[in-house]
Protein backbone atom coordinates (compact mmCIF):
# COMPACT_ATOMS: atom_id res chain seq x y z
CA UNK A 1 -1.72 22.52 4.11
CA UNK A 2 -0.29 22.18 7.58
CA UNK A 3 -1.60 20.41 10.62
CA UNK A 4 -4.06 23.02 11.79
CA UNK A 5 -7.54 24.10 10.73
CA UNK A 6 -6.06 27.48 9.78
CA UNK A 7 -3.58 25.80 7.45
CA UNK A 8 -6.36 23.97 5.64
CA UNK A 9 -8.50 27.11 5.48
CA UNK A 10 -5.65 29.11 3.95
CA UNK A 11 -4.74 26.36 1.49
CA UNK A 12 -8.32 25.96 0.33
CA UNK A 13 -9.09 29.69 0.19
CA UNK A 14 -8.84 29.91 -3.62
CA UNK A 15 -11.38 27.09 -3.96
CA UNK A 16 -13.64 28.55 -1.27
CA UNK A 17 -13.91 31.86 -3.13
CA UNK A 18 -14.47 30.19 -6.52
CA UNK A 19 -17.67 28.34 -5.62
CA UNK A 20 -21.06 30.01 -5.60
CA UNK A 21 -22.57 27.70 -2.99
CA UNK A 22 -23.25 29.11 0.44
CA UNK A 23 -21.49 26.36 2.30
CA UNK A 24 -20.26 26.45 5.84
CA UNK A 25 -16.63 25.41 5.78
CA UNK A 26 -15.42 23.52 8.83
CA UNK A 27 -11.80 22.47 9.19
CA UNK A 28 -11.32 20.11 12.09
CA UNK A 29 -8.21 19.86 14.21
CA UNK A 30 -6.84 16.34 14.54
CA UNK A 31 -6.13 15.07 18.04
CA UNK A 32 -2.59 14.48 19.25
CA UNK A 33 -1.38 10.87 19.19
CA UNK A 34 1.88 9.21 20.07
CA UNK A 35 3.47 8.13 16.81
CA UNK A 36 5.59 4.97 17.23
CA UNK A 37 7.17 5.48 13.80
CA UNK A 38 8.69 8.76 15.04
CA UNK A 39 10.17 7.58 18.34
CA UNK A 40 6.84 7.88 20.19
CA UNK A 41 6.75 11.66 19.75
CA UNK A 42 3.28 13.21 19.75
CA UNK A 43 1.84 14.73 16.59
CA UNK A 44 -1.57 15.80 15.39
CA UNK A 45 -3.01 12.95 13.37
CA UNK A 46 -6.22 11.01 12.82
CA UNK A 47 -4.50 7.76 13.82
CA UNK A 48 -1.19 6.15 14.66
CA UNK A 49 1.59 5.08 12.34
CA UNK A 50 3.90 2.29 13.38
CA UNK A 51 6.29 2.29 10.40
CA UNK A 52 7.58 4.80 7.88
CA UNK A 53 6.91 2.46 4.99
CA UNK A 54 4.61 3.55 2.20
CA UNK A 55 0.94 3.17 3.11
CA UNK A 56 -0.57 0.63 0.72
CA UNK A 57 -2.88 -2.39 0.94
CA UNK A 58 -1.10 -5.05 2.93
CA UNK A 59 1.35 -2.69 4.66
CA UNK A 60 1.66 -2.67 8.44
CA UNK A 61 -0.22 0.57 8.96
CA UNK A 62 -2.86 -0.23 6.35
CA UNK A 63 -3.60 -3.50 8.13
CA UNK A 64 -3.62 -1.89 11.62
CA UNK A 65 -6.63 -3.17 13.58
CA UNK A 66 -6.60 -0.07 15.82
CA UNK A 67 -5.75 -1.84 19.11
CA UNK A 68 -4.99 1.54 20.67
CA UNK A 69 -8.36 2.95 19.58
CA UNK A 70 -6.85 5.96 17.80
CA UNK A 71 -8.98 5.75 14.66
CA UNK A 72 -12.11 4.89 16.63
CA UNK A 73 -11.65 7.93 18.89
CA UNK A 74 -11.02 10.17 15.86
CA UNK A 75 -14.21 8.98 14.19
CA UNK A 76 -16.11 9.52 17.44
CA UNK A 77 -14.79 13.09 17.68
CA UNK A 78 -15.73 13.89 14.07
CA UNK A 79 -19.22 12.46 14.59
CA UNK A 80 -19.60 14.59 17.73
CA UNK A 81 -18.70 17.70 15.72
CA UNK A 82 -21.25 16.75 13.05
CA UNK A 83 -23.86 16.29 15.77
CA UNK A 84 -23.10 19.77 17.13
CA UNK A 85 -23.37 21.20 13.64
CA UNK A 86 -26.73 19.52 13.06
CA UNK A 87 -28.07 20.81 16.38
CA UNK A 88 -26.98 24.35 15.51
CA UNK A 89 -29.02 24.42 12.28
């Protein structure tokens, strides 16, 4: 789908037009994080990845305790967007 809200919107367009529900579709944009697994380059992501191994229970990234706070800050940002949406209703 791509790493932008527009990419998700375009990829999901066939589904969006096939449902009768009057939903409001919101496609969030992930923050930019330094990705250690890619030489500390910055990419849009909801968290950090430290290895390029397959993500599975027990793997390094699966077991990450979020010392850097990446996942916690992503969750906080999503909850803030939900709060804004609720206030706008």
